[in-house]
């Protein structure tokens, strides 16, 4: 077994609310300095930049769990982690097609930048708007995601666009974990019946990458090992180190 330094909630230049410097080159510079070696890329409502980040970071010793952050019709953010990149891209296509806001002004709401295989700017995506809600409900997203080998995790549940913040009570769905941001939040979540947790920086800017969110006790950096660590409570937040 080994202890890996991790953060499982990060955005790239594809997310309209992300800084335009959130490229693989900047990720490498920041993550290597701090020693993070296992992350997930979870852009809003699209996975179009996941593969290039995975390819470039993996070649430099940083493993990437394939992910996406979906915004449901209830305006709740749900992180979905995938074992298989092709399944993620198929799911991502369905989410993009379901987004309510199609056209938007990048100058006002932020650029959605697609990267090429070298991590360079390829084009600005002007439709759909990835900051939009999907037409799908939480229940819909849950059913859709469960068709694949996935981990389904409501993001920052007590904060803006969080499950509890938006709905007040947890739905009757068996999530693999929930994301919390502090020990106080974790204790509140346990009182609501949540038992498993994951941690990320929700990084939109380079300075937000510069923090280890959690340590994971696992034999390797794979989807299967992450799932095993979550279910065995071996994902340890920084405040418990």
Protein backbone atom coordinates (compact mmCIF):
# COMPACT_ATOMS: atom_id res chain seq x y z
CA UNK A 1 0.00 0.00 0.00
CA UNK A 2 1.03 3.61 -0.54
CA UNK A 3 -0.15 7.05 0.48
CA UNK A 4 -1.02 9.31 -2.45
CA UNK A 5 -1.51 13.08 -2.29
CA UNK A 6 -4.73 13.96 -4.03
CA UNK A 7 -7.40 16.41 -5.10
CA UNK A 8 -10.49 15.09 -6.89
CA UNK A 9 -12.31 18.25 -8.00
CA UNK A 10 -10.54 20.49 -10.51
CA UNK A 11 -11.51 22.63 -13.50
CA UNK A 12 -9.70 23.58 -16.70
CA UNK A 13 -9.95 26.34 -19.29
CA UNK A 14 -13.05 24.55 -20.61
CA UNK A 15 -15.14 25.64 -17.62
CA UNK A 16 -16.42 29.19 -18.23
CA UNK A 17 -15.74 30.12 -14.60
CA UNK A 18 -12.19 28.76 -14.82
CA UNK A 19 -9.12 30.94 -15.24
CA UNK A 20 -7.77 30.86 -18.81
CA UNK A 21 -4.39 29.83 -17.41
CA UNK A 22 -5.75 26.46 -16.22
CA UNK A 23 -3.81 24.47 -18.80
CA UNK A 24 -1.83 21.20 -18.47
CA UNK A 25 1.43 23.17 -18.36
CA UNK A 26 0.24 25.22 -15.38
CA UNK A 27 -1.18 22.13 -13.67
CA UNK A 28 2.17 20.39 -13.98
CA UNK A 29 4.07 23.35 -12.60
CA UNK A 30 1.84 23.70 -9.54
CA UNK A 31 1.16 20.04 -8.78
CA UNK A 32 4.77 18.92 -9.07
CA UNK A 33 5.91 21.65 -6.69
CA UNK A 34 3.45 20.60 -4.00
CA UNK A 35 3.76 16.87 -4.64
CA UNK A 36 0.19 16.03 -5.68
CA UNK A 37 0.25 12.82 -7.71
CA UNK A 38 -3.42 11.84 -8.15
CA UNK A 39 -6.24 14.14 -9.28
CA UNK A 40 -9.48 14.28 -11.21
CA UNK A 41 -10.48 16.69 -13.95
CA UNK A 42 -14.13 17.66 -13.43
CA UNK A 43 -15.17 20.47 -15.75
CA UNK A 44 -18.71 21.81 -15.74
CA UNK A 45 -21.06 19.74 -17.93
CA UNK A 46 -18.37 18.64 -20.39
CA UNK A 47 -15.43 16.25 -20.47
CA UNK A 48 -13.84 17.49 -23.69
CA UNK A 49 -10.52 18.42 -22.03
CA UNK A 50 -10.17 15.36 -19.81
CA UNK A 51 -8.20 13.18 -22.22
CA UNK A 52 -5.52 15.74 -23.05
CA UNK A 53 -4.98 16.49 -19.36
CA UNK A 54 -4.81 12.78 -18.57
CA UNK A 55 -2.30 12.11 -21.34
CA UNK A 56 0.02 15.01 -20.49
CA UNK A 57 -0.14 14.68 -16.70
CA UNK A 58 0.22 10.89 -16.73
CA UNK A 59 3.42 11.17 -18.77
CA UNK A 60 4.75 13.30 -15.93
CA UNK A 61 3.78 11.01 -13.06
CA UNK A 62 0.38 12.47 -12.14
CA UNK A 63 -2.54 10.09 -12.57
CA UNK A 64 -5.98 11.39 -13.55
CA UNK A 65 -9.39 9.98 -12.67
CA UNK A 66 -11.81 10.78 -15.52
CA UNK A 67 -14.61 13.02 -14.31
CA UNK A 68 -17.29 15.63 -14.93
CA UNK A 69 -19.35 17.99 -12.75
CA UNK A 70 -22.98 18.00 -13.85
CA UNK A 71 -25.47 20.73 -12.94
CA UNK A 72 -28.95 19.24 -12.61
CA UNK A 73 -32.28 20.94 -13.27
CA UNK A 74 -32.45 21.60 -9.51
CA UNK A 75 -29.13 23.49 -9.84
CA UNK A 76 -27.28 20.85 -7.83
CA UNK A 77 -23.70 19.97 -8.75
CA UNK A 78 -22.94 16.26 -9.01
CA UNK A 79 -19.44 14.88 -9.56
CA UNK A 80 -19.35 11.71 -11.64
CA UNK A 81 -16.11 9.74 -11.90
CA UNK A 82 -15.63 7.18 -14.66
CA UNK A 83 -13.40 4.15 -15.10
CA UNK A 84 -13.49 4.39 -18.89
CA UNK A 85 -12.79 7.55 -20.91
CA UNK A 86 -15.02 6.53 -23.82
CA UNK A 87 -17.96 6.01 -21.48
CA UNK A 88 -17.30 9.42 -19.95
CA UNK A 89 -17.27 11.07 -23.37
CA UNK A 90 -20.53 9.34 -24.30
CA UNK A 91 -22.13 10.54 -21.05
CA UNK A 92 -20.66 14.02 -21.55
CA UNK A 93 -22.25 14.27 -25.00
CA UNK A 94 -25.67 13.51 -23.51
CA UNK A 95 -25.17 16.16 -20.83
CA UNK A 96 -24.05 18.80 -23.34
CA UNK A 97 -27.09 18.12 -25.52
CA UNK A 98 -29.34 18.54 -22.47
CA UNK A 99 -28.06 21.96 -21.38
CA UNK A 100 -30.81 24.55 -21.22
CA UNK A 101 -28.81 27.63 -22.23
CA UNK A 102 -27.39 27.20 -25.70
CA UNK A 103 -25.95 30.55 -26.81
CA UNK A 104 -24.08 32.89 -24.48
CA UNK A 105 -21.59 35.76 -24.50
CA UNK A 106 -18.06 34.55 -23.59
CA UNK A 107 -16.98 38.14 -22.92
CA UNK A 108 -19.52 38.36 -20.09
CA UNK A 109 -19.67 34.80 -18.76
CA UNK A 110 -16.20 33.45 -19.45
CA UNK A 111 -14.44 31.57 -22.22
CA UNK A 112 -14.88 27.84 -22.79
CA UNK A 113 -11.57 26.82 -24.33
CA UNK A 114 -11.01 23.47 -25.99
CA UNK A 115 -7.39 22.29 -26.06
CA UNK A 116 -5.59 20.25 -28.70
CA UNK A 117 -3.59 17.10 -27.94
CA UNK A 118 -0.55 19.22 -27.03
CA UNK A 119 -2.47 21.22 -24.44
CA UNK A 120 -2.62 24.33 -26.63
CA UNK A 121 -5.70 26.48 -27.29
CA UNK A 122 -7.68 24.98 -30.17
CA UNK A 123 -10.95 26.91 -30.19
CA UNK A 124 -13.53 28.73 -28.08
CA UNK A 125 -16.78 26.81 -27.65
CA UNK A 126 -19.68 29.26 -27.82
CA UNK A 127 -22.56 26.80 -27.59
CA UNK A 128 -23.88 25.29 -25.41
CA UNK A 129 -23.13 27.23 -22.24
CA UNK A 130 -21.41 24.86 -19.82
CA UNK A 131 -22.46 26.97 -16.85
CA UNK A 132 -26.09 26.10 -17.58
CA UNK A 133 -28.29 23.56 -15.85
CA UNK A 134 -29.12 20.33 -17.62
CA UNK A 135 -32.75 19.45 -18.27
CA UNK A 136 -32.13 16.29 -16.25
CA UNK A 137 -33.04 15.93 -12.58
CA UNK A 138 -30.82 14.43 -9.88
CA UNK A 139 -32.72 11.16 -10.24
CA UNK A 140 -32.22 11.23 -14.02
CA UNK A 141 -28.48 11.86 -13.71
CA UNK A 142 -28.16 9.10 -11.12
CA UNK A 143 -29.89 6.55 -13.38
CA UNK A 144 -27.90 7.64 -16.44
CA UNK A 145 -24.56 7.49 -14.61
CA UNK A 146 -25.29 4.09 -13.05
CA UNK A 147 -25.41 2.58 -16.54
CA UNK A 148 -21.63 2.95 -16.55
CA UNK A 149 -18.90 2.00 -14.09
CA UNK A 150 -18.95 5.21 -12.10
CA UNK A 151 -18.71 6.88 -8.73
CA UNK A 152 -21.51 9.39 -8.11
CA UNK A 153 -20.66 12.13 -5.63
CA UNK A 154 -22.69 15.27 -4.83
CA UNK A 155 -20.26 18.20 -4.75
CA UNK A 156 -19.74 20.67 -1.87
CA UNK A 157 -23.08 19.65 -0.39
CA UNK A 158 -23.45 22.50 2.12
CA UNK A 159 -22.34 25.31 -0.21
CA UNK A 160 -23.64 27.06 -3.32
CA UNK A 161 -25.09 24.55 -5.80
CA UNK A 162 -24.70 21.86 -3.15
CA UNK A 163 -27.19 19.07 -2.54
CA UNK A 164 -28.20 20.11 0.98
CA UNK A 165 -27.85 23.84 0.31
CA UNK A 166 -30.28 23.58 -2.62
CA UNK A 167 -32.73 20.94 -1.43
CA UNK A 168 -32.49 21.01 2.36
CA UNK A 169 -32.75 17.25 2.73
CA UNK A 170 -30.87 14.42 1.03
CA UNK A 171 -32.74 12.50 -1.68
CA UNK A 172 -33.25 8.75 -1.30
CA UNK A 173 -30.35 7.81 -3.55
CA UNK A 174 -27.33 5.70 -2.65
CA UNK A 175 -24.40 7.95 -3.53
CA UNK A 176 -20.90 6.53 -3.43
CA UNK A 177 -19.73 9.48 -1.35
CA UNK A 178 -20.30 13.20 -0.83
CA UNK A 179 -17.81 16.04 -1.04
CA UNK A 180 -17.37 18.20 2.06
CA UNK A 181 -15.02 21.10 2.72
CA UNK A 182 -14.32 20.98 6.45
CA UNK A 183 -14.44 18.75 9.50
CA UNK A 184 -17.56 20.59 10.67
CA UNK A 185 -19.28 19.84 7.37
CA UNK A 186 -18.27 16.19 7.58
CA UNK A 187 -19.82 15.87 11.04
CA UNK A 188 -23.04 17.52 9.79
CA UNK A 189 -23.09 15.13 6.82
CA UNK A 190 -22.71 12.11 9.09
CA UNK A 191 -25.73 13.26 11.10
CA UNK A 192 -27.70 13.27 7.83
CA UNK A 193 -26.70 9.67 7.22
CA UNK A 194 -23.77 10.08 4.82
CA UNK A 195 -20.94 7.65 5.55
CA UNK A 196 -18.38 8.06 2.78
CA UNK A 197 -16.51 11.17 1.70
CA UNK A 198 -14.22 12.55 -0.96
CA UNK A 199 -12.27 15.79 -1.02
CA UNK A 200 -11.17 18.28 -3.65
CA UNK A 201 -10.20 21.92 -3.98
CA UNK A 202 -12.84 22.81 -6.58
CA UNK A 203 -9.94 24.58 -8.26
CA UNK A 204 -10.76 27.21 -10.87
CA UNK A 205 -7.49 29.16 -10.53
CA UNK A 206 -3.83 28.08 -10.29
CA UNK A 207 -3.55 29.19 -6.66
CA UNK A 208 -6.42 26.85 -5.78
CA UNK A 209 -4.44 23.91 -7.17
CA UNK A 210 -1.71 24.63 -4.67
CA UNK A 211 -3.27 22.56 -1.86
CA UNK A 212 -3.40 18.86 -1.10
CA UNK A 213 -7.08 18.07 -0.43
CA UNK A 214 -6.63 14.55 0.91
CA UNK A 215 -4.38 11.54 1.23
CA UNK A 216 -5.50 8.20 -0.17
CA UNK A 217 -4.23 4.89 1.18
CA UNK A 218 -4.24 2.58 -1.85
CA UNK A 219 -2.11 0.04 -3.67
CA UNK A 220 -2.24 1.97 -6.96
CA UNK A 221 -3.84 5.00 -8.61
CA UNK A 222 -6.73 3.42 -10.46
CA UNK A 223 -10.50 3.85 -10.49
CA UNK A 224 -10.93 0.51 -8.72
CA UNK A 225 -8.50 1.46 -5.97
CA UNK A 226 -10.15 4.84 -5.47
CA UNK A 227 -13.53 3.16 -5.09
CA UNK A 228 -12.08 0.65 -2.65
CA UNK A 229 -10.45 3.42 -0.62
CA UNK A 230 -13.70 5.40 -0.48
CA UNK A 231 -15.70 2.41 0.74
CA UNK A 232 -13.01 1.48 3.29
CA UNK A 233 -12.75 5.06 4.58
CA UNK A 234 -9.14 5.37 3.47
CA UNK A 235 -9.59 8.78 1.86
CA UNK A 236 -8.17 11.02 4.58
CA UNK A 237 -8.82 14.79 4.49
CA UNK A 238 -5.97 17.18 5.19
CA UNK A 239 -7.35 18.22 8.57
CA UNK A 240 -6.98 14.61 9.83
CA UNK A 241 -3.39 14.07 8.74
